[in-house]
Amino acid sequence: QKLKHLDTYNDNRIKAADLYDQHFKDVEGLVTPWRSSNCKHVFHQYTLRVTGGREQRDFVRSGLNEKGIPSGVYYPISLHLQPAYAHGYKEGDMPVSERLSEEVISLPMHSELDETQVAYIAENFLELYHNFK
């Protein structure tokens, strides 16, 4: 039954991502999700990079949690450092992956997000982001 609504759900998620992008554009130290010009990203997650690192990311995440705004860090440890995938790799072998695992944070994303909700989430995120010391 939901499959017939898939295009609408995806379009709504893209609109929510567009709204997030507007709030976060030109904010130094924040990197919004990259989008290819030759395909359509449907945003299962909306994941930002906080280039200030783990401490700043975790400060923002904790503050969002206190305000009742969920967020996620889906890959807190690089795969090559996970026991199942270690295969002889050690910390420092994949520095880009390791850095990204300390920077990423995923904000609420679903097909029912409206402009007011995205604004509330983004404004609280930015307040915490700018108040990190």
C-alpha atoms as a PDB file:
ATOM      1  CA  GLN A   1       0.000   0.000   0.000  1.00  0.00           C
ATOM      2  CA  LYS A   2       2.809   2.436   0.757  1.00  0.00           C
ATOM      3  CA  LEU A   3       4.689   1.672  -2.448  1.00  0.00           C
ATOM      4  CA  LYS A   4       2.266   3.734  -4.516  1.00  0.00           C
ATOM      5  CA  HIS A   5       3.254   6.754  -2.392  1.00  0.00           C
ATOM      6  CA  LEU A   6       7.008   6.221  -2.697  1.00  0.00           C
ATOM      7  CA  ASP A   7       7.617   9.081  -5.141  1.00  0.00           C
ATOM      8  CA  THR A   8       5.726  11.502  -2.894  1.00  0.00           C
ATOM      9  CA  TYR A   9       7.633  10.313   0.178  1.00  0.00           C
ATOM     10  CA  ASN A  10      10.950  10.713  -1.629  1.00  0.00           C
ATOM     11  CA  ASP A  11      10.013  14.175  -2.912  1.00  0.00           C
ATOM     12  CA  ASN A  12       9.094  15.233   0.631  1.00  0.00           C
ATOM     13  CA  ARG A  13      12.438  14.029   1.957  1.00  0.00           C
ATOM     14  CA  ILE A  14      14.250  15.935  -0.780  1.00  0.00           C
ATOM     15  CA  LYS A  15      12.301  19.083   0.151  1.00  0.00           C
ATOM     16  CA  ALA A  16      13.270  18.624   3.800  1.00  0.00           C
ATOM     17  CA  ALA A  17      16.930  18.197   2.774  1.00  0.00           C
ATOM     18  CA  ASP A  18      16.687  21.358   0.659  1.00  0.00           C
ATOM     19  CA  LEU A  19      15.403  23.229   3.708  1.00  0.00           C
ATOM     20  CA  TYR A  20      18.222  21.897   5.883  1.00  0.00           C
ATOM     21  CA  ASP A  21      20.708  22.918   3.182  1.00  0.00           C
ATOM     22  CA  GLN A  22      19.344  26.465   3.231  1.00  0.00           C
ATOM     23  CA  HIS A  23      19.838  26.727   6.994  1.00  0.00           C
ATOM     24  CA  PHE A  24      23.366  25.313   6.908  1.00  0.00           C
ATOM     25  CA  LYS A  25      24.751  26.888   3.729  1.00  0.00           C
ATOM     26  CA  ASP A  26      27.798  29.044   4.213  1.00  0.00           C
ATOM     27  CA  VAL A  27      28.258  28.004   7.866  1.00  0.00           C
ATOM     28  CA  GLU A  28      31.977  27.659   8.357  1.00  0.00           C
ATOM     29  CA  GLY A  29      32.944  24.179   9.520  1.00  0.00           C
ATOM     30  CA  LEU A  30      29.711  22.472   8.432  1.00  0.00           C
ATOM     31  CA  VAL A  31      29.576  20.314   5.326  1.00  0.00           C
ATOM     32  CA  THR A  32      26.154  19.428   3.940  1.00  0.00           C
ATOM     33  CA  PRO A  33      25.525  16.231   1.981  1.00  0.00           C
ATOM     34  CA  TRP A  34      26.926  16.237  -1.538  1.00  0.00           C
ATOM     35  CA  ARG A  35      24.491  15.645  -4.377  1.00  0.00           C
ATOM     36  CA  SER A  36      25.298  14.461  -7.870  1.00  0.00           C
ATOM     37  CA  SER A  37      23.801  16.476 -10.706  1.00  0.00           C
ATOM     38  CA  ASN A  38      22.954  13.358 -12.718  1.00  0.00           C
ATOM     39  CA  CYS A  39      20.852  11.471 -10.163  1.00  0.00           C
ATOM     40  CA  LYS A  40      18.344  11.978  -7.378  1.00  0.00           C
ATOM     41  CA  HIS A  41      19.297  11.597  -3.708  1.00  0.00           C
ATOM     42  CA  VAL A  42      16.283  10.530  -1.615  1.00  0.00           C
ATOM     43  CA  PHE A  43      17.876  11.149   1.795  1.00  0.00           C
ATOM     44  CA  HIS A  44      17.376   8.073   3.905  1.00  0.00           C
ATOM     45  CA  GLN A  45      19.536  10.119   6.286  1.00  0.00           C
ATOM     46  CA  TYR A  46      20.544  13.764   6.370  1.00  0.00           C
ATOM     47  CA  THR A  47      24.138  13.650   7.555  1.00  0.00           C
ATOM     48  CA  LEU A  48      26.272  16.710   8.224  1.00  0.00           C
ATOM     49  CA  ARG A  49      29.996  16.874   8.813  1.00  0.00           C
ATOM     50  CA  VAL A  50      31.095  18.959  11.790  1.00  0.00           C
ATOM     51  CA  THR A  51      34.705  19.570  10.814  1.00  0.00           C
ATOM     52  CA  GLY A  52      35.513  20.812  14.319  1.00  0.00           C
ATOM     53  CA  GLY A  53      35.693  17.151  15.317  1.00  0.00           C
ATOM     54  CA  ARG A  54      34.219  14.735  17.792  1.00  0.00           C
ATOM     55  CA  GLU A  55      34.072  17.093  20.791  1.00  0.00           C
ATOM     56  CA  GLN A  56      32.069  19.725  18.935  1.00  0.00           C
ATOM     57  CA  ARG A  57      29.856  17.127  17.250  1.00  0.00           C
ATOM     58  CA  ASP A  58      29.168  15.411  20.578  1.00  0.00           C
ATOM     59  CA  PHE A  59      28.484  18.752  22.299  1.00  0.00           C
ATOM     60  CA  VAL A  60      25.851  19.566  19.669  1.00  0.00           C
ATOM     61  CA  ARG A  61      24.402  16.068  19.827  1.00  0.00           C
ATOM     62  CA  SER A  62      24.101  16.167  23.609  1.00  0.00           C
ATOM     63  CA  GLY A  63      22.410  19.565  23.475  1.00  0.00           C
ATOM     64  CA  LEU A  64      19.960  18.398  20.835  1.00  0.00           C
ATOM     65  CA  ASN A  65      19.132  15.381  22.981  1.00  0.00           C
ATOM     66  CA  GLU A  66      18.436  17.638  25.980  1.00  0.00           C
ATOM     67  CA  LYS A  67      15.989  19.582  23.796  1.00  0.00           C
ATOM     68  CA  GLY A  68      14.261  16.362  22.706  1.00  0.00           C
ATOM     69  CA  ILE A  69      15.682  16.495  19.171  1.00  0.00           C
ATOM     70  CA  PRO A  70      17.006  13.108  18.081  1.00  0.00           C
ATOM     71  CA  SER A  71      20.223  12.743  16.136  1.00  0.00           C
ATOM     72  CA  GLY A  72      22.388   9.821  15.171  1.00  0.00           C
ATOM     73  CA  VAL A  73      25.964   8.812  14.620  1.00  0.00           C
ATOM     74  CA  TYR A  74      25.518   5.716  12.530  1.00  0.00           C
ATOM     75  CA  TYR A  75      29.188   4.886  12.029  1.00  0.00           C
ATOM     76  CA  PRO A  76      31.040   5.978  15.191  1.00  0.00           C
ATOM     77  CA  ILE A  77      33.935   3.588  14.525  1.00  0.00           C
ATOM     78  CA  SER A  78      35.471   3.076  11.101  1.00  0.00           C
ATOM     79  CA  LEU A  79      34.803  -0.355   9.627  1.00  0.00           C
ATOM     80  CA  HIS A  80      38.469  -1.307   9.483  1.00  0.00           C
ATOM     81  CA  LEU A  81      38.615  -0.870  13.277  1.00  0.00           C
ATOM     82  CA  GLN A  82      35.572  -3.080  13.911  1.00  0.00           C
ATOM     83  CA  PRO A  83      36.496  -6.573  15.145  1.00  0.00           C
ATOM     84  CA  ALA A  84      34.671  -8.297  12.283  1.00  0.00           C
ATOM     85  CA  TYR A  85      36.558  -6.315   9.641  1.00  0.00           C
ATOM     86  CA  ALA A  86      39.907  -5.647  11.280  1.00  0.00           C
ATOM     87  CA  HIS A  87      41.992  -8.025   9.102  1.00  0.00           C
ATOM     88  CA  GLY A  88      45.234  -6.573  10.415  1.00  0.00           C
ATOM     89  CA  TYR A  89      44.391  -2.886  10.025  1.00  0.00           C
ATOM     90  CA  LYS A  90      45.188  -0.499  12.828  1.00  0.00           C
ATOM     91  CA  GLU A  91      44.239   3.024  13.823  1.00  0.00           C
ATOM     92  CA  GLY A  92      45.780   5.461  11.376  1.00  0.00           C
ATOM     93  CA  ASP A  93      45.648   3.143   8.362  1.00  0.00           C
ATOM     94  CA  MET A  94      42.565   4.863   6.932  1.00  0.00           C
ATOM     95  CA  PRO A  95      42.731   8.434   8.212  1.00  0.00           C
ATOM     96  CA  VAL A  96      39.887   9.832   6.099  1.00  0.00           C
ATOM     97  CA  SER A  97      37.466   7.181   7.321  1.00  0.00           C
ATOM     98  CA  GLU A  98      38.609   7.687  10.901  1.00  0.00           C
ATOM     99  CA  ARG A  99      38.221  11.473  10.685  1.00  0.00           C
ATOM    100  CA  LEU A 100      34.748  11.202   9.177  1.00  0.00           C
ATOM    101  CA  SER A 101      33.606   8.868  11.954  1.00  0.00           C
ATOM    102  CA  GLU A 102      34.400  11.692  14.383  1.00  0.00           C
ATOM    103  CA  GLU A 103      32.636  14.407  12.361  1.00  0.00           C
ATOM    104  CA  VAL A 104      29.319  13.011  11.134  1.00  0.00           C
ATOM    105  CA  ILE A 105      25.919  13.597  12.696  1.00  0.00           C
ATOM    106  CA  SER A 106      22.565  12.676  11.184  1.00  0.00           C
ATOM    107  CA  LEU A 107      19.554  14.870  11.844  1.00  0.00           C
ATOM    108  CA  PRO A 108      15.904  13.835  11.811  1.00  0.00           C
ATOM    109  CA  MET A 109      14.777  12.932   8.309  1.00  0.00           C
ATOM    110  CA  HIS A 110      11.436  11.561   7.195  1.00  0.00           C
ATOM    111  CA  SER A 111       8.740  12.299   4.669  1.00  0.00           C
ATOM    112  CA  GLU A 112       6.532  14.173   7.154  1.00  0.00           C
ATOM    113  CA  LEU A 113       9.022  16.885   8.157  1.00  0.00           C
ATOM    114  CA  ASP A 114       7.659  20.322   7.448  1.00  0.00           C
ATOM    115  CA  GLU A 115       9.328  23.712   7.152  1.00  0.00           C
ATOM    116  CA  THR A 116       8.618  24.652  10.778  1.00  0.00           C
ATOM    117  CA  GLN A 117      10.085  21.426  12.121  1.00  0.00           C
ATOM    118  CA  VAL A 118      13.219  21.679   9.979  1.00  0.00           C
ATOM    119  CA  ALA A 119      13.672  25.297  11.066  1.00  0.00           C
ATOM    120  CA  TYR A 120      13.326  24.326  14.739  1.00  0.00           C
ATOM    121  CA  ILE A 121      15.884  21.524  14.401  1.00  0.00           C
ATOM    122  CA  ALA A 122      18.315  23.636  12.363  1.00  0.00           C
ATOM    123  CA  GLU A 123      18.070  26.707  14.600  1.00  0.00           C
ATOM    124  CA  ASN A 124      18.725  24.632  17.726  1.00  0.00           C
ATOM    125  CA  PHE A 125      21.593  22.843  15.991  1.00  0.00           C
ATOM    126  CA  LEU A 126      23.180  26.139  14.952  1.00  0.00           C
ATOM    127  CA  GLU A 127      22.765  27.696  18.392  1.00  0.00           C
ATOM    128  CA  LEU A 128      24.610  24.780  19.964  1.00  0.00           C
ATOM    129  CA  TYR A 129      27.164  24.648  17.146  1.00  0.00           C
ATOM    130  CA  HIS A 130      28.062  28.324  17.563  1.00  0.00           C
ATOM    131  CA  ASN A 131      28.133  28.099  21.377  1.00  0.00           C
ATOM    132  CA  PHE A 132      30.708  25.301  21.463  1.00  0.00           C
ATOM    133  CA  LYS A 133      33.833  26.422  23.252  1.00  0.00           C
END
